[in-house]
């Protein structure tokens, strides 16, 4: 039973570290020391080391010789590429999903959208990314393409910090909610092509807004 217990520990540490990185508790480029994390979680270094390797595979952590694990820091060119990939994959996945969406799928998306709206109103930055990803995934699940959806989830994890940054820097909370509301309406109406085109616009407009803001600050 020991290997199962260790894997459970590893999964728990991985999930905790993932959320701490995505929430911004650990900053870009910050070193994650195995000994300190082991002491904090009350575990040996083994599950911490395995968790860091998993997060490296997801692109959230970089493991560098003689430096250890660092929170990944992306250039804007990296962010642009990831968002461009998201726009391509998500538009096609949504196009496939819309004709098969059930009322349960749409109600789940609507419930998540209400939570997202509340988080925006309360300036609950830590949960914006999680709720944004959950809303998108609820719209894609009817496509029944688990590998594509898993890849999109990884892309959301990699870009989450920068999505939240874009909303904060550009003060587009109401716009983000309005676009999600419109997207859900298109799905409810069964307009697959329009929904696909709109989600592509939604992702790329966030990319353009972030680029404009960062250039203005430089």
Protein backbone atom coordinates (compact mmCIF):
# COMPACT_ATOMS: atom_id res chain seq x y z
CA UNK A 1 0.00 0.00 0.00
CA UNK A 2 2.93 2.36 0.47
CA UNK A 3 3.30 3.32 -3.25
CA UNK A 4 -0.41 4.27 -3.38
CA UNK A 5 -0.06 6.38 -0.25
CA UNK A 6 3.03 8.12 -1.65
CA UNK A 7 1.27 8.82 -4.95
CA UNK A 8 -1.67 10.31 -3.04
CA UNK A 9 0.76 12.54 -1.14
CA UNK A 10 2.44 13.56 -4.38
CA UNK A 11 -0.91 14.43 -5.96
CA UNK A 12 -1.90 16.53 -2.94
CA UNK A 13 1.40 18.44 -2.92
CA UNK A 14 1.22 18.92 -6.69
CA UNK A 15 -2.28 20.37 -6.53
CA UNK A 16 -1.38 22.68 -3.64
CA UNK A 17 1.74 24.01 -5.36
CA UNK A 18 -0.12 24.39 -8.66
CA UNK A 19 -2.79 26.56 -7.04
CA UNK A 20 -0.22 28.64 -5.15
CA UNK A 21 1.61 29.37 -8.40
CA UNK A 22 -1.58 30.16 -10.31
CA UNK A 23 -2.86 32.42 -7.54
CA UNK A 24 0.35 34.46 -7.62
CA UNK A 25 1.46 33.49 -4.13
CA UNK A 26 4.70 32.35 -5.74
CA UNK A 27 5.98 35.01 -8.13
CA UNK A 28 7.49 34.50 -11.59
CA UNK A 29 11.10 33.37 -11.22
CA UNK A 30 10.78 32.58 -7.51
CA UNK A 31 12.86 29.66 -6.30
CA UNK A 32 10.95 26.74 -4.79
CA UNK A 33 13.21 25.06 -2.24
CA UNK A 34 12.53 21.39 -1.68
CA UNK A 35 13.66 21.39 1.95
CA UNK A 36 11.48 24.35 2.89
CA UNK A 37 8.45 22.91 1.10
CA UNK A 38 9.01 19.50 2.70
CA UNK A 39 9.02 21.11 6.15
CA UNK A 40 5.97 23.23 5.34
CA UNK A 41 3.91 20.27 4.12
CA UNK A 42 5.27 17.86 6.73
CA UNK A 43 6.40 15.32 4.15
CA UNK A 44 9.67 13.91 2.89
CA UNK A 45 11.42 15.42 -0.12
CA UNK A 46 10.23 12.58 -2.38
CA UNK A 47 6.62 13.78 -2.98
CA UNK A 48 7.86 17.38 -3.24
CA UNK A 49 10.45 16.41 -5.85
CA UNK A 50 7.88 14.39 -7.81
CA UNK A 51 5.38 17.27 -7.60
CA UNK A 52 7.94 19.72 -8.97
CA UNK A 53 8.67 17.36 -11.86
CA UNK A 54 4.95 17.19 -12.67
CA UNK A 55 4.68 20.97 -12.57
CA UNK A 56 7.72 21.20 -14.83
CA UNK A 57 5.90 18.96 -17.33
CA UNK A 58 2.95 21.36 -17.17
CA UNK A 59 5.19 24.33 -17.84
CA UNK A 60 4.61 26.01 -14.48
CA UNK A 61 8.08 25.26 -13.09
CA UNK A 62 11.58 25.16 -14.56
CA UNK A 63 14.19 22.87 -13.00
CA UNK A 64 17.66 24.26 -13.67
CA UNK A 65 21.00 22.71 -12.74
CA UNK A 66 22.59 24.32 -9.65
CA UNK A 67 19.48 26.53 -9.14
CA UNK A 68 16.75 24.01 -8.49
CA UNK A 69 13.09 24.66 -9.24
CA UNK A 70 11.96 28.13 -10.30
CA UNK A 71 8.45 29.37 -11.07
CA UNK A 72 8.34 29.74 -14.86
CA UNK A 73 8.52 33.25 -16.23
CA UNK A 74 7.19 33.81 -19.73
CA UNK A 75 8.14 36.53 -22.20
CA UNK A 76 5.32 38.24 -24.04
CA UNK A 77 6.30 36.31 -27.16
CA UNK A 78 5.73 33.09 -25.19
CA UNK A 79 2.37 34.35 -23.94
CA UNK A 80 1.33 35.41 -27.44
CA UNK A 81 2.19 31.98 -28.84
CA UNK A 82 0.27 30.15 -26.12
CA UNK A 83 -2.80 32.37 -26.56
CA UNK A 84 -2.65 31.90 -30.33
CA UNK A 85 -2.62 28.13 -29.81
CA UNK A 86 -5.54 28.45 -27.41
CA UNK A 87 -7.51 30.46 -29.97
CA UNK A 88 -6.98 27.77 -32.61
CA UNK A 89 -7.75 24.78 -30.41
CA UNK A 90 -10.62 26.25 -28.43
CA UNK A 91 -12.49 27.61 -31.43
CA UNK A 92 -12.44 24.22 -33.15
CA UNK A 93 -13.28 22.30 -29.97
CA UNK A 94 -16.23 24.58 -29.27
CA UNK A 95 -17.46 24.22 -32.87
CA UNK A 96 -17.49 20.45 -32.34
CA UNK A 97 -19.07 20.68 -28.89
CA UNK A 98 -22.00 23.05 -29.49
CA UNK A 99 -24.27 20.63 -31.45
CA UNK A 100 -23.95 18.07 -28.66
CA UNK A 101 -24.23 20.34 -25.59
CA UNK A 102 -26.82 19.21 -23.06
CA UNK A 103 -28.86 21.36 -20.75
CA UNK A 104 -26.66 20.08 -17.92
CA UNK A 105 -23.52 21.36 -19.67
CA UNK A 106 -25.07 24.76 -20.32
CA UNK A 107 -26.42 25.06 -16.77
CA UNK A 108 -22.97 24.20 -15.38
CA UNK A 109 -21.44 26.93 -17.55
CA UNK A 110 -24.09 29.40 -16.40
CA UNK A 111 -23.55 28.59 -12.72
CA UNK A 112 -19.80 29.03 -13.14
CA UNK A 113 -20.38 32.31 -14.98
CA UNK A 114 -22.37 33.62 -12.00
CA UNK A 115 -19.50 32.66 -9.68
CA UNK A 116 -17.06 34.40 -12.02
CA UNK A 117 -19.21 37.54 -12.01
CA UNK A 118 -19.26 37.56 -8.20
CA UNK A 119 -15.49 37.07 -8.05
CA UNK A 120 -15.01 40.00 -10.42
CA UNK A 121 -17.30 42.24 -8.35
CA UNK A 122 -15.45 41.27 -5.17
CA UNK A 123 -12.06 41.72 -6.87
CA UNK A 124 -11.30 38.12 -5.89
CA UNK A 125 -8.28 37.90 -8.17
CA UNK A 126 -7.09 34.55 -6.83
CA UNK A 127 -10.12 32.72 -8.24
CA UNK A 128 -10.54 34.48 -11.60
CA UNK A 129 -8.35 32.04 -13.51
CA UNK A 130 -9.90 28.92 -11.97
CA UNK A 131 -13.45 30.09 -12.73
CA UNK A 132 -12.53 31.29 -16.21
CA UNK A 133 -11.05 27.89 -17.06
CA UNK A 134 -13.99 26.02 -15.52
CA UNK A 135 -16.45 28.07 -17.60
CA UNK A 136 -14.58 27.33 -20.82
CA UNK A 137 -14.23 23.62 -20.03
CA UNK A 138 -17.95 23.27 -19.34
CA UNK A 139 -18.61 24.43 -22.90
CA UNK A 140 -16.10 21.97 -24.41
CA UNK A 141 -16.90 18.74 -22.61
CA UNK A 142 -19.65 17.67 -25.06
CA UNK A 143 -17.06 17.45 -27.84
CA UNK A 144 -15.82 14.27 -26.13
CA UNK A 145 -12.22 14.93 -27.09
CA UNK A 146 -10.44 14.38 -23.77
CA UNK A 147 -6.92 14.69 -25.15
CA UNK A 148 -7.62 18.06 -26.75
CA UNK A 149 -9.37 19.25 -23.60
CA UNK A 150 -6.45 18.13 -21.42
CA UNK A 151 -4.07 20.07 -23.65
CA UNK A 152 -6.27 23.17 -23.40
CA UNK A 153 -6.34 22.82 -19.61
CA UNK A 154 -2.53 22.87 -19.60
CA UNK A 155 -2.55 25.98 -21.78
CA UNK A 156 -4.99 27.65 -19.39
CA UNK A 157 -2.67 26.85 -16.49
CA UNK A 158 0.30 28.34 -18.33
CA UNK A 159 -1.56 31.55 -19.28
CA UNK A 160 -3.72 31.94 -16.17
CA UNK A 161 -1.46 34.44 -14.40
CA UNK A 162 -1.32 36.59 -17.51
CA UNK A 163 -5.09 36.41 -18.12
CA UNK A 164 -5.62 37.77 -14.61
CA UNK A 165 -2.92 40.37 -15.21
CA UNK A 166 -4.66 41.48 -18.40
CA UNK A 167 -8.03 41.93 -16.63
CA UNK A 168 -6.37 43.83 -13.77
CA UNK A 169 -4.15 46.08 -15.89
CA UNK A 170 -6.81 46.95 -18.44
CA UNK A 171 -9.71 47.09 -15.97
CA UNK A 172 -11.90 45.01 -18.29
CA UNK A 173 -13.88 43.09 -15.64
CA UNK A 174 -17.26 44.04 -17.11
CA UNK A 175 -16.10 43.32 -20.66
CA UNK A 176 -14.83 39.86 -19.69
CA UNK A 177 -18.18 39.01 -18.10
CA UNK A 178 -20.15 40.45 -21.04
CA UNK A 179 -18.14 38.39 -23.55
CA UNK A 180 -18.67 35.21 -21.53
CA UNK A 181 -22.39 35.96 -21.35
CA UNK A 182 -22.56 36.44 -25.12
CA UNK A 183 -20.60 33.25 -25.70
CA UNK A 184 -23.01 31.26 -23.55
CA UNK A 185 -25.98 32.77 -25.42
CA UNK A 186 -24.51 31.66 -28.76
CA UNK A 187 -24.07 28.14 -27.39
CA UNK A 188 -27.64 28.05 -26.10
CA UNK A 189 -28.83 29.12 -29.54
CA UNK A 190 -26.85 26.28 -31.13
CA UNK A 191 -24.82 28.68 -33.29
CA UNK A 192 -21.64 26.62 -33.50
CA UNK A 193 -19.82 28.65 -36.16
CA UNK A 194 -20.62 31.98 -34.52
CA UNK A 195 -19.60 30.67 -31.10
CA UNK A 196 -16.31 29.39 -32.54
CA UNK A 197 -15.57 32.73 -34.18
CA UNK A 198 -16.50 34.61 -31.03
CA UNK A 199 -14.29 32.60 -28.70
CA UNK A 200 -11.39 33.17 -31.06
CA UNK A 201 -12.09 36.89 -30.90
CA UNK A 202 -12.43 36.69 -27.09
CA UNK A 203 -9.00 35.10 -26.62
CA UNK A 204 -7.15 37.24 -29.17
CA UNK A 205 -8.66 40.50 -27.94
CA UNK A 206 -7.35 39.70 -24.44
CA UNK A 207 -3.94 39.06 -26.00
CA UNK A 208 -4.02 42.39 -27.84
CA UNK A 209 -5.15 44.28 -24.74
CA UNK A 210 -2.32 42.81 -22.67
CA UNK A 211 0.23 43.61 -25.37
CA UNK A 212 -0.95 47.23 -25.59
CA UNK A 213 -0.82 47.69 -21.84
CA UNK A 214 2.65 46.15 -21.46
CA UNK A 215 4.03 48.27 -24.32
CA UNK A 216 2.59 51.40 -22.72
CA UNK A 217 4.35 50.53 -19.47
CA UNK A 218 7.73 49.79 -21.08
